[in-house]
Amino acid sequence: MKKCSVCGKGMKELTGKTPEGMEYKYFKCSCGEEIVDMSQLHAIADKYRTLKKYNAKLSKWGMSLGIRIPRELVKKYKLKESESVSIIPEKEGLRIIPSSDAKTL
């Protein structure tokens, strides 16, 4: 059992998930301290590197640009023709949220 570096008590081993659903183990103390093992961090980083990437070309539509969403993603997220989506600018890219999920923002 791992001991907490803050209070010296024993830590409980738990399982967490990244937003993408990848599981990892970590240790948590009753004082609130949490520790993730470096090997766990490396394993998660390796999984992120192997995630499937989708490539798409932008095309001009009037004064705007359009993007085709790959078929696999259309099926996975149950997207429909003429459905509205929300596009949220983020620091490193864009987040596209189907209208059914956009209501929860």
PDB file of N, CA and C in Angstrom:
ATOM      1  N   MET A   1       0.835  -1.181   0.000  1.00  0.00           N
ATOM      2  CA  MET A   1       0.000   0.000   0.000  1.00  0.00           C
ATOM      3  C   MET A   1       0.883   1.249   0.000  1.00  0.00           C
ATOM      4  N   LYS A   2       0.530   2.230  -0.846  1.00  0.00           N
ATOM      5  CA  LYS A   2       1.277   3.486  -0.909  1.00  0.00           C
ATOM      6  C   LYS A   2       0.918   4.358   0.280  1.00  0.00           C
ATOM      7  N   LYS A   3       1.914   5.087   0.785  1.00  0.00           N
ATOM      8  CA  LYS A   3       1.674   6.017   1.887  1.00  0.00           C
ATOM      9  C   LYS A   3       1.636   7.441   1.348  1.00  0.00           C
ATOM     10  N   CYS A   4       0.759   8.233   1.895  1.00  0.00           N
ATOM     11  CA  CYS A   4       0.585   9.624   1.489  1.00  0.00           C
ATOM     12  C   CYS A   4       1.797  10.449   1.912  1.00  0.00           C
ATOM     13  N   SER A   5       2.303  11.259   1.009  1.00  0.00           N
ATOM     14  CA  SER A   5       3.457  12.111   1.316  1.00  0.00           C
ATOM     15  C   SER A   5       3.046  13.338   2.123  1.00  0.00           C
ATOM     16  N   VAL A   6       1.759  13.615   2.204  1.00  0.00           N
ATOM     17  CA  VAL A   6       1.271  14.786   2.945  1.00  0.00           C
ATOM     18  C   VAL A   6       0.984  14.430   4.400  1.00  0.00           C
ATOM     19  N   CYS A   7       0.175  13.360   4.615  1.00  0.00           N
ATOM     20  CA  CYS A   7      -0.234  13.037   5.984  1.00  0.00           C
ATOM     21  C   CYS A   7       0.335  11.716   6.503  1.00  0.00           C
ATOM     22  N   GLY A   8       0.925  10.892   5.619  1.00  0.00           N
ATOM     23  CA  GLY A   8       1.530   9.633   6.029  1.00  0.00           C
ATOM     24  C   GLY A   8       0.570   8.452   6.132  1.00  0.00           C
ATOM     25  N   LYS A   9      -0.724   8.677   5.877  1.00  0.00           N
ATOM     26  CA  LYS A   9      -1.704   7.592   5.936  1.00  0.00           C
ATOM     27  C   LYS A   9      -1.618   6.737   4.679  1.00  0.00           C
ATOM     28  N   GLY A  10      -2.240   5.565   4.730  1.00  0.00           N
ATOM     29  CA  GLY A  10      -2.297   4.689   3.565  1.00  0.00           C
ATOM     30  C   GLY A  10      -3.235   5.254   2.505  1.00  0.00           C
ATOM     31  N   MET A  11      -2.891   5.019   1.233  1.00  0.00           N
ATOM     32  CA  MET A  11      -3.701   5.528   0.129  1.00  0.00           C
ATOM     33  C   MET A  11      -4.463   4.379  -0.521  1.00  0.00           C
ATOM     34  N   LYS A  12      -5.642   4.686  -0.999  1.00  0.00           N
ATOM     35  CA  LYS A  12      -6.491   3.704  -1.656  1.00  0.00           C
ATOM     36  C   LYS A  12      -6.234   3.753  -3.164  1.00  0.00           C
ATOM     37  N   GLU A  13      -6.102   2.565  -3.796  1.00  0.00           N
ATOM     38  CA  GLU A  13      -5.926   2.511  -5.247  1.00  0.00           C
ATOM     39  C   GLU A  13      -7.300   2.557  -5.910  1.00  0.00           C
ATOM     40  N   LEU A  14      -7.472   3.505  -6.848  1.00  0.00           N
ATOM     41  CA  LEU A  14      -8.736   3.690  -7.559  1.00  0.00           C
ATOM     42  C   LEU A  14      -8.510   3.669  -9.055  1.00  0.00           C
ATOM     43  N   THR A  15      -9.592   3.577  -9.805  1.00  0.00           N
ATOM     44  CA  THR A  15      -9.529   3.614 -11.262  1.00  0.00           C
ATOM     45  C   THR A  15     -10.274   4.846 -11.741  1.00  0.00           C
ATOM     46  N   GLY A  16      -9.647   5.588 -12.656  1.00  0.00           N
ATOM     47  CA  GLY A  16     -10.272   6.766 -13.250  1.00  0.00           C
ATOM     48  C   GLY A  16     -10.355   6.593 -14.748  1.00  0.00           C
ATOM     49  N   LYS A  17     -11.032   7.537 -15.406  1.00  0.00           N
ATOM     50  CA  LYS A  17     -11.156   7.515 -16.866  1.00  0.00           C
ATOM     51  C   LYS A  17     -10.876   8.906 -17.411  1.00  0.00           C
ATOM     52  N   THR A  18     -10.176   8.936 -18.543  1.00  0.00           N
ATOM     53  CA  THR A  18      -9.978  10.202 -19.240  1.00  0.00           C
ATOM     54  C   THR A  18     -11.291  10.558 -19.933  1.00  0.00           C
ATOM     55  N   PRO A  19     -11.442  11.798 -20.424  1.00  0.00           N
ATOM     56  CA  PRO A  19     -12.664  12.156 -21.161  1.00  0.00           C
ATOM     57  C   PRO A  19     -12.923  11.255 -22.373  1.00  0.00           C
ATOM     58  N   GLU A  20     -11.867  10.652 -22.911  1.00  0.00           N
ATOM     59  CA  GLU A  20     -11.997   9.758 -24.070  1.00  0.00           C
ATOM     60  C   GLU A  20     -12.324   8.331 -23.660  1.00  0.00           C
ATOM     61  N   GLY A  21     -12.411   8.073 -22.358  1.00  0.00           N
ATOM     62  CA  GLY A  21     -12.784   6.747 -21.875  1.00  0.00           C
ATOM     63  C   GLY A  21     -11.626   5.810 -21.582  1.00  0.00           C
ATOM     64  N   MET A  22     -10.400   6.308 -21.595  1.00  0.00           N
ATOM     65  CA  MET A  22      -9.248   5.445 -21.296  1.00  0.00           C
ATOM     66  C   MET A  22      -9.081   5.332 -19.780  1.00  0.00           C
ATOM     67  N   GLU A  23      -9.010   4.086 -19.300  1.00  0.00           N
ATOM     68  CA  GLU A  23      -8.884   3.860 -17.867  1.00  0.00           C
ATOM     69  C   GLU A  23      -7.436   3.975 -17.404  1.00  0.00           C
ATOM     70  N   TYR A  24      -7.277   4.436 -16.162  1.00  0.00           N
ATOM     71  CA  TYR A  24      -5.965   4.488 -15.526  1.00  0.00           C
ATOM     72  C   TYR A  24      -6.159   4.301 -14.030  1.00  0.00           C
ATOM     73  N   LYS A  25      -5.122   3.893 -13.356  1.00  0.00           N
ATOM     74  CA  LYS A  25      -5.185   3.702 -11.908  1.00  0.00           C
ATOM     75  C   LYS A  25      -4.455   4.862 -11.226  1.00  0.00           C
ATOM     76  N   TYR A  26      -4.939   5.227 -10.042  1.00  0.00           N
ATOM     77  CA  TYR A  26      -4.298   6.268  -9.265  1.00  0.00           C
ATOM     78  C   TYR A  26      -4.521   5.988  -7.784  1.00  0.00           C
ATOM     79  N   PHE A  27      -3.817   6.696  -6.945  1.00  0.00           N
ATOM     80  CA  PHE A  27      -3.925   6.511  -5.503  1.00  0.00           C
ATOM     81  C   PHE A  27      -4.508   7.779  -4.890  1.00  0.00           C
ATOM     82  N   LYS A  28      -5.437   7.591  -3.926  1.00  0.00           N
ATOM     83  CA  LYS A  28      -6.062   8.737  -3.273  1.00  0.00           C
ATOM     84  C   LYS A  28      -6.053   8.525  -1.771  1.00  0.00           C
ATOM     85  N   CYS A  29      -5.711   9.590  -1.075  1.00  0.00           N
ATOM     86  CA  CYS A  29      -5.665   9.572   0.383  1.00  0.00           C
ATOM     87  C   CYS A  29      -6.933  10.223   0.933  1.00  0.00           C
ATOM     88  N   SER A  30      -7.275   9.891   2.167  1.00  0.00           N
ATOM     89  CA  SER A  30      -8.446  10.497   2.809  1.00  0.00           C
ATOM     90  C   SER A  30      -8.256  12.004   3.017  1.00  0.00           C
ATOM     91  N   CYS A  31      -7.005  12.477   2.986  1.00  0.00           N
ATOM     92  CA  CYS A  31      -6.743  13.921   3.133  1.00  0.00           C
ATOM     93  C   CYS A  31      -6.970  14.671   1.813  1.00  0.00           C
ATOM     94  N   GLY A  32      -7.218  13.918   0.710  1.00  0.00           N
ATOM     95  CA  GLY A  32      -7.481  14.551  -0.577  1.00  0.00           C
ATOM     96  C   GLY A  32      -6.321  14.467  -1.566  1.00  0.00           C
ATOM     97  N   GLU A  33      -5.153  14.090  -1.105  1.00  0.00           N
ATOM     98  CA  GLU A  33      -3.979  13.968  -1.980  1.00  0.00           C
ATOM     99  C   GLU A  33      -4.198  12.840  -2.982  1.00  0.00           C
ATOM    100  N   GLU A  34      -3.843  13.085  -4.262  1.00  0.00           N
ATOM    101  CA  GLU A  34      -3.949  12.069  -5.307  1.00  0.00           C
ATOM    102  C   GLU A  34      -2.616  11.935  -6.018  1.00  0.00           C
ATOM    103  N   ILE A  35      -2.263  10.696  -6.376  1.00  0.00           N
ATOM    104  CA  ILE A  35      -0.994  10.429  -7.053  1.00  0.00           C
ATOM    105  C   ILE A  35      -1.252   9.501  -8.237  1.00  0.00           C
ATOM    106  N   VAL A  36      -0.688   9.857  -9.391  1.00  0.00           N
ATOM    107  CA  VAL A  36      -0.728   8.984 -10.559  1.00  0.00           C
ATOM    108  C   VAL A  36       0.696   8.520 -10.811  1.00  0.00           C
ATOM    109  N   ASP A  37       0.882   7.227 -10.969  1.00  0.00           N
ATOM    110  CA  ASP A  37       2.194   6.642 -11.220  1.00  0.00           C
ATOM    111  C   ASP A  37       2.703   7.089 -12.598  1.00  0.00           C
ATOM    112  N   MET A  38       3.994   7.367 -12.710  1.00  0.00           N
ATOM    113  CA  MET A  38       4.581   7.808 -13.987  1.00  0.00           C
ATOM    114  C   MET A  38       4.360   6.779 -15.085  1.00  0.00           C
ATOM    115  N   SER A  39       4.403   5.490 -14.752  1.00  0.00           N
ATOM    116  CA  SER A  39       4.176   4.468 -15.773  1.00  0.00           C
ATOM    117  C   SER A  39       2.751   4.574 -16.313  1.00  0.00           C
ATOM    118  N   GLN A  40       1.818   4.938 -15.451  1.00  0.00           N
ATOM    119  CA  GLN A  40       0.430   5.157 -15.887  1.00  0.00           C
ATOM    120  C   GLN A  40       0.357   6.340 -16.854  1.00  0.00           C
ATOM    121  N   LEU A  41       1.052   7.415 -16.523  1.00  0.00           N
ATOM    122  CA  LEU A  41       1.058   8.593 -17.405  1.00  0.00           C
ATOM    123  C   LEU A  41       1.637   8.257 -18.770  1.00  0.00           C
ATOM    124  N   HIS A  42       2.713   7.484 -18.793  1.00  0.00           N
ATOM    125  CA  HIS A  42       3.324   7.090 -20.065  1.00  0.00           C
ATOM    126  C   HIS A  42       2.381   6.190 -20.868  1.00  0.00           C
ATOM    127  N   ALA A  43       1.691   5.281 -20.182  1.00  0.00           N
ATOM    128  CA  ALA A  43       0.756   4.379 -20.864  1.00  0.00           C
ATOM    129  C   ALA A  43      -0.401   5.169 -21.487  1.00  0.00           C
ATOM    130  N   ILE A  44      -0.922   6.143 -20.766  1.00  0.00           N
ATOM    131  CA  ILE A  44      -2.011   6.979 -21.292  1.00  0.00           C
ATOM    132  C   ILE A  44      -1.511   7.795 -22.481  1.00  0.00           C
ATOM    133  N   ALA A  45      -0.306   8.354 -22.378  1.00  0.00           N
ATOM    134  CA  ALA A  45       0.263   9.135 -23.486  1.00  0.00           C
ATOM    135  C   ALA A  45       0.408   8.256 -24.725  1.00  0.00           C
ATOM    136  N   ASP A  46       0.847   7.020 -24.566  1.00  0.00           N
ATOM    137  CA  ASP A  46       0.966   6.100 -25.696  1.00  0.00           C
ATOM    138  C   ASP A  46      -0.396   5.819 -26.332  1.00  0.00           C
ATOM    139  N   LYS A  47      -1.411   5.656 -25.502  1.00  0.00           N
ATOM    140  CA  LYS A  47      -2.758   5.424 -26.030  1.00  0.00           C
ATOM    141  C   LYS A  47      -3.240   6.635 -26.835  1.00  0.00           C
ATOM    142  N   TYR A  48      -2.979   7.831 -26.332  1.00  0.00           N
ATOM    143  CA  TYR A  48      -3.372   9.044 -27.062  1.00  0.00           C
ATOM    144  C   TYR A  48      -2.681   9.107 -28.426  1.00  0.00           C
ATOM    145  N   ARG A  49      -1.415   8.700 -28.468  1.00  0.00           N
ATOM    146  CA  ARG A  49      -0.670   8.737 -29.732  1.00  0.00           C
ATOM    147  C   ARG A  49      -1.252   7.784 -30.767  1.00  0.00           C
ATOM    148  N   THR A  50      -1.864   6.699 -30.284  1.00  0.00           N
ATOM    149  CA  THR A  50      -2.388   5.707 -31.223  1.00  0.00           C
ATOM    150  C   THR A  50      -3.875   5.888 -31.538  1.00  0.00           C
ATOM    151  N   LEU A  51      -4.514   6.904 -30.937  1.00  0.00           N
ATOM    152  CA  LEU A  51      -5.918   7.150 -31.273  1.00  0.00           C
ATOM    153  C   LEU A  51      -6.040   7.406 -32.767  1.00  0.00           C
ATOM    154  N   LYS A  52      -7.120   6.912 -33.347  1.00  0.00           N
ATOM    155  CA  LYS A  52      -7.322   7.100 -34.784  1.00  0.00           C
ATOM    156  C   LYS A  52      -7.566   8.574 -35.076  1.00  0.00           C
ATOM    157  N   LYS A  53      -6.851   9.067 -36.050  1.00  0.00           N
ATOM    158  CA  LYS A  53      -7.037  10.446 -36.489  1.00  0.00           C
ATOM    159  C   LYS A  53      -7.831  10.429 -37.778  1.00  0.00           C
ATOM    160  N   TYR A  54      -8.685  11.394 -37.935  1.00  0.00           N
ATOM    161  CA  TYR A  54      -9.473  11.522 -39.152  1.00  0.00           C
ATOM    162  C   TYR A  54      -9.002  12.751 -39.906  1.00  0.00           C
ATOM    163  N   ASN A  55      -8.790  12.597 -41.185  1.00  0.00           N
ATOM    164  CA  ASN A  55      -8.381  13.714 -42.024  1.00  0.00           C
ATOM    165  C   ASN A  55      -9.536  14.098 -42.928  1.00  0.00           C
ATOM    166  N   ALA A  56      -9.697  15.386 -43.143  1.00  0.00           N
ATOM    167  CA  ALA A  56     -10.747  15.880 -44.020  1.00  0.00           C
ATOM    168  C   ALA A  56     -10.224  17.120 -44.730  1.00  0.00           C
ATOM    169  N   LYS A  57     -10.728  17.350 -45.938  1.00  0.00           N
ATOM    170  CA  LYS A  57     -10.351  18.539 -46.691  1.00  0.00           C
ATOM    171  C   LYS A  57     -11.433  19.586 -46.538  1.00  0.00           C
ATOM    172  N   LEU A  58     -11.005  20.820 -46.462  1.00  0.00           N
ATOM    173  CA  LEU A  58     -11.937  21.936 -46.450  1.00  0.00           C
ATOM    174  C   LEU A  58     -12.254  22.298 -47.894  1.00  0.00           C
ATOM    175  N   SER A  59     -13.487  22.706 -48.152  1.00  0.00           N
ATOM    176  CA  SER A  59     -13.846  23.163 -49.495  1.00  0.00           C
ATOM    177  C   SER A  59     -14.669  24.449 -49.370  1.00  0.00           C
ATOM    178  N   LYS A  60     -14.569  25.271 -50.393  1.00  0.00           N
ATOM    179  CA  LYS A  60     -15.233  26.569 -50.368  1.00  0.00           C
ATOM    180  C   LYS A  60     -16.719  26.384 -50.666  1.00  0.00           C
ATOM    181  N   TRP A  61     -17.571  26.961 -49.833  1.00  0.00           N
ATOM    182  CA  TRP A  61     -19.016  26.965 -50.011  1.00  0.00           C
ATOM    183  C   TRP A  61     -19.458  28.426 -49.915  1.00  0.00           C
ATOM    184  N   GLY A  62     -19.606  29.086 -51.042  1.00  0.00           N
ATOM    185  CA  GLY A  62     -19.934  30.512 -51.040  1.00  0.00           C
ATOM    186  C   GLY A  62     -18.781  31.284 -50.432  1.00  0.00           C
ATOM    187  N   MET A  63     -19.059  32.082 -49.414  1.00  0.00           N
ATOM    188  CA  MET A  63     -18.028  32.866 -48.741  1.00  0.00           C
ATOM    189  C   MET A  63     -17.461  32.128 -47.512  1.00  0.00           C
ATOM    190  N   SER A  64     -17.922  30.908 -47.288  1.00  0.00           N
ATOM    191  CA  SER A  64     -17.505  30.124 -46.122  1.00  0.00           C
ATOM    192  C   SER A  64     -16.692  28.914 -46.562  1.00  0.00           C
ATOM    193  N   LEU A  65     -16.234  28.151 -45.578  1.00  0.00           N
ATOM    194  CA  LEU A  65     -15.570  26.872 -45.833  1.00  0.00           C
ATOM    195  C   LEU A  65     -16.437  25.765 -45.251  1.00  0.00           C
ATOM    196  N   GLY A  66     -16.459  24.638 -45.944  1.00  0.00           N
ATOM    197  CA  GLY A  66     -17.198  23.475 -45.468  1.00  0.00           C
ATOM    198  C   GLY A  66     -16.233  22.326 -45.228  1.00  0.00           C
ATOM    199  N   ILE A  67     -16.645  21.393 -44.390  1.00  0.00           N
ATOM    200  CA  ILE A  67     -15.831  20.223 -44.103  1.00  0.00           C
ATOM    201  C   ILE A  67     -16.729  18.993 -44.176  1.00  0.00           C
ATOM    202  N   ARG A  68     -16.218  17.923 -44.777  1.00  0.00           N
ATOM    203  CA  ARG A  68     -16.961  16.665 -44.819  1.00  0.00           C
ATOM    204  C   ARG A  68     -16.577  15.843 -43.601  1.00  0.00           C
ATOM    205  N   ILE A  69     -17.572  15.324 -42.934  1.00  0.00           N
ATOM    206  CA  ILE A  69     -17.332  14.507 -41.750  1.00  0.00           C
ATOM    207  C   ILE A  69     -17.264  13.050 -42.204  1.00  0.00           C
ATOM    208  N   PRO A  70     -16.168  12.352 -41.885  1.00  0.00           N
ATOM    209  CA  PRO A  70     -16.021  10.961 -42.314  1.00  0.00           C
ATOM    210  C   PRO A  70     -17.191  10.074 -41.867  1.00  0.00           C
ATOM    211  N   ARG A  71     -17.529   9.121 -42.714  1.00  0.00           N
ATOM    212  CA  ARG A  71     -18.660   8.220 -42.515  1.00  0.00           C
ATOM    213  C   ARG A  71     -18.633   7.540 -41.139  1.00  0.00           C
ATOM    214  N   GLU A  72     -17.447   7.091 -40.717  1.00  0.00           N
ATOM    215  CA  GLU A  72     -17.332   6.417 -39.417  1.00  0.00           C
ATOM    216  C   GLU A  72     -17.802   7.316 -38.280  1.00  0.00           C
ATOM    217  N   LEU A  73     -17.465   8.605 -38.359  1.00  0.00           N
ATOM    218  CA  LEU A  73     -17.867   9.537 -37.308  1.00  0.00           C
ATOM    219  C   LEU A  73     -19.357   9.855 -37.394  1.00  0.00           C
ATOM    220  N   VAL A  74     -19.891   9.925 -38.615  1.00  0.00           N
ATOM    221  CA  VAL A  74     -21.329  10.154 -38.804  1.00  0.00           C
ATOM    222  C   VAL A  74     -22.106   9.035 -38.112  1.00  0.00           C
ATOM    223  N   LYS A  75     -21.660   7.788 -38.324  1.00  0.00           N
ATOM    224  CA  LYS A  75     -22.333   6.650 -37.700  1.00  0.00           C
ATOM    225  C   LYS A  75     -22.157   6.665 -36.184  1.00  0.00           C
ATOM    226  N   LYS A  76     -20.917   6.871 -35.738  1.00  0.00           N
ATOM    227  CA  LYS A  76     -20.612   6.825 -34.308  1.00  0.00           C
ATOM    228  C   LYS A  76     -21.430   7.841 -33.520  1.00  0.00           C
ATOM    229  N   TYR A  77     -21.573   9.054 -34.063  1.00  0.00           N
ATOM    230  CA  TYR A  77     -22.274  10.121 -33.354  1.00  0.00           C
ATOM    231  C   TYR A  77     -23.705  10.314 -33.830  1.00  0.00           C
ATOM    232  N   LYS A  78     -24.185   9.399 -34.708  1.00  0.00           N
ATOM    233  CA  LYS A  78     -25.566   9.409 -35.201  1.00  0.00           C
ATOM    234  C   LYS A  78     -25.960  10.772 -35.763  1.00  0.00           C
ATOM    235  N   LEU A  79     -25.087  11.321 -36.614  1.00  0.00           N
ATOM    236  CA  LEU A  79     -25.358  12.617 -37.235  1.00  0.00           C
ATOM    237  C   LEU A  79     -26.326  12.433 -38.390  1.00  0.00           C
ATOM    238  N   LYS A  80     -27.160  13.423 -38.603  1.00  0.00           N
ATOM    239  CA  LYS A  80     -28.156  13.376 -39.674  1.00  0.00           C
ATOM    240  C   LYS A  80     -27.976  14.580 -40.596  1.00  0.00           C
ATOM    241  N   GLU A  81     -28.338  14.394 -41.862  1.00  0.00           N
ATOM    242  CA  GLU A  81     -28.287  15.480 -42.836  1.00  0.00           C
ATOM    243  C   GLU A  81     -29.171  16.631 -42.353  1.00  0.00           C
ATOM    244  N   SER A  82     -28.695  17.838 -42.531  1.00  0.00           N
ATOM    245  CA  SER A  82     -29.393  19.076 -42.146  1.00  0.00           C
ATOM    246  C   SER A  82     -29.482  19.279 -40.629  1.00  0.00           C
ATOM    247  N   GLU A  83     -28.840  18.423 -39.846  1.00  0.00           N
ATOM    248  CA  GLU A  83     -28.836  18.585 -38.394  1.00  0.00           C
ATOM    249  C   GLU A  83     -27.932  19.760 -38.030  1.00  0.00           C
ATOM    250  N   SER A  84     -28.300  20.493 -37.006  1.00  0.00           N
ATOM    251  CA  SER A  84     -27.472  21.608 -36.535  1.00  0.00           C
ATOM    252  C   SER A  84     -26.411  21.076 -35.573  1.00  0.00           C
ATOM    253  N   VAL A  85     -25.270  21.716 -35.571  1.00  0.00           N
ATOM    254  CA  VAL A  85     -24.199  21.412 -34.627  1.00  0.00           C
ATOM    255  C   VAL A  85     -23.706  22.721 -34.031  1.00  0.00           C
ATOM    256  N   SER A  86     -23.101  22.622 -32.862  1.00  0.00           N
ATOM    257  CA  SER A  86     -22.448  23.775 -32.254  1.00  0.00           C
ATOM    258  C   SER A  86     -20.954  23.643 -32.500  1.00  0.00           C
ATOM    259  N   ILE A  87     -20.311  24.744 -32.885  1.00  0.00           N
ATOM    260  CA  ILE A  87     -18.859  24.757 -33.094  1.00  0.00           C
ATOM    261  C   ILE A  87     -18.273  25.676 -32.025  1.00  0.00           C
ATOM    262  N   ILE A  88     -17.413  25.108 -31.197  1.00  0.00           N
ATOM    263  CA  ILE A  88     -16.828  25.849 -30.087  1.00  0.00           C
ATOM    264  C   ILE A  88     -15.337  26.010 -30.314  1.00  0.00           C
ATOM    265  N   PRO A  89     -14.861  27.264 -30.455  1.00  0.00           N
ATOM    266  CA  PRO A  89     -13.424  27.475 -30.607  1.00  0.00           C
ATOM    267  C   PRO A  89     -12.706  27.167 -29.291  1.00  0.00           C
ATOM    268  N   GLU A  90     -11.621  26.414 -29.386  1.00  0.00           N
ATOM    269  CA  GLU A  90     -10.803  26.100 -28.224  1.00  0.00           C
ATOM    270  C   GLU A  90      -9.362  26.478 -28.524  1.00  0.00           C
ATOM    271  N   LYS A  91      -8.520  26.417 -27.523  1.00  0.00           N
ATOM    272  CA  LYS A  91      -7.124  26.837 -27.664  1.00  0.00           C
ATOM    273  C   LYS A  91      -6.409  26.127 -28.809  1.00  0.00           C
ATOM    274  N   GLU A  92      -6.606  24.810 -28.947  1.00  0.00           N
ATOM    275  CA  GLU A  92      -5.856  24.031 -29.934  1.00  0.00           C
ATOM    276  C   GLU A  92      -6.680  23.571 -31.130  1.00  0.00           C
ATOM    277  N   GLY A  93      -7.939  24.008 -31.235  1.00  0.00           N
ATOM    278  CA  GLY A  93      -8.753  23.564 -32.360  1.00  0.00           C
ATOM    279  C   GLY A  93     -10.211  23.905 -32.165  1.00  0.00           C
ATOM    280  N   LEU A  94     -11.057  23.154 -32.832  1.00  0.00           N
ATOM    281  CA  LEU A  94     -12.498  23.363 -32.767  1.00  0.00           C
ATOM    282  C   LEU A  94     -13.175  22.131 -32.194  1.00  0.00           C
ATOM    283  N   ARG A  95     -14.209  22.337 -31.431  1.00  0.00           N
ATOM    284  CA  ARG A  95     -15.018  21.235 -30.923  1.00  0.00           C
ATOM    285  C   ARG A  95     -16.370  21.331 -31.619  1.00  0.00           C
ATOM    286  N   ILE A  96     -16.818  20.225 -32.203  1.00  0.00           N
ATOM    287  CA  ILE A  96     -18.102  20.177 -32.890  1.00  0.00           C
ATOM    288  C   ILE A  96     -19.025  19.285 -32.070  1.00  0.00           C
ATOM    289  N   ILE A  97     -20.163  19.831 -31.664  1.00  0.00           N
ATOM    290  CA  ILE A  97     -21.089  19.090 -30.816  1.00  0.00           C
ATOM    291  C   ILE A  97     -22.426  18.961 -31.534  1.00  0.00           C
ATOM    292  N   PRO A  98     -22.929  17.719 -31.720  1.00  0.00           N
ATOM    293  CA  PRO A  98     -24.245  17.526 -32.349  1.00  0.00           C
ATOM    294  C   PRO A  98     -25.330  18.260 -31.580  1.00  0.00           C
ATOM    295  N   SER A  99     -26.377  18.676 -32.254  1.00  0.00           N
ATOM    296  CA  SER A  99     -27.441  19.462 -31.632  1.00  0.00           C
ATOM    297  C   SER A  99     -28.069  18.763 -30.437  1.00  0.00           C
ATOM    298  N   SER A 100     -28.172  17.437 -30.472  1.00  0.00           N
ATOM    299  CA  SER A 100     -28.773  16.714 -29.348  1.00  0.00           C
ATOM    300  C   SER A 100     -27.948  16.890 -28.075  1.00  0.00           C
ATOM    301  N   ASP A 101     -26.614  17.046 -28.198  1.00  0.00           N
ATOM    302  CA  ASP A 101     -25.738  17.262 -27.050  1.00  0.00           C
ATOM    303  C   ASP A 101     -25.568  18.743 -26.748  1.00  0.00           C
ATOM    304  N   ALA A 102     -25.766  19.605 -27.750  1.00  0.00           N
ATOM    305  CA  ALA A 102     -25.520  21.034 -27.607  1.00  0.00           C
ATOM    306  C   ALA A 102     -26.471  21.666 -26.595  1.00  0.00           C
ATOM    307  N   LYS A 103     -27.636  21.070 -26.368  1.00  0.00           N
ATOM    308  CA  LYS A 103     -28.617  21.616 -25.437  1.00  0.00           C
ATOM    309  C   LYS A 103     -28.100  21.584 -24.009  1.00  0.00           C
ATOM    310  N   THR A 104     -27.121  20.704 -23.733  1.00  0.00           N
ATOM    311  CA  THR A 104     -26.614  20.559 -22.368  1.00  0.00           C
ATOM    312  C   THR A 104     -25.473  21.514 -22.060  1.00  0.00           C
ATOM    313  N   LEU A 105     -25.094  22.359 -23.013  1.00  0.00           N
ATOM    314  CA  LEU A 105     -23.965  23.275 -22.782  1.00  0.00           C
ATOM    315  C   LEU A 105     -24.299  24.343 -21.782  1.00  0.00           C
TER     316      LEU A 105
END
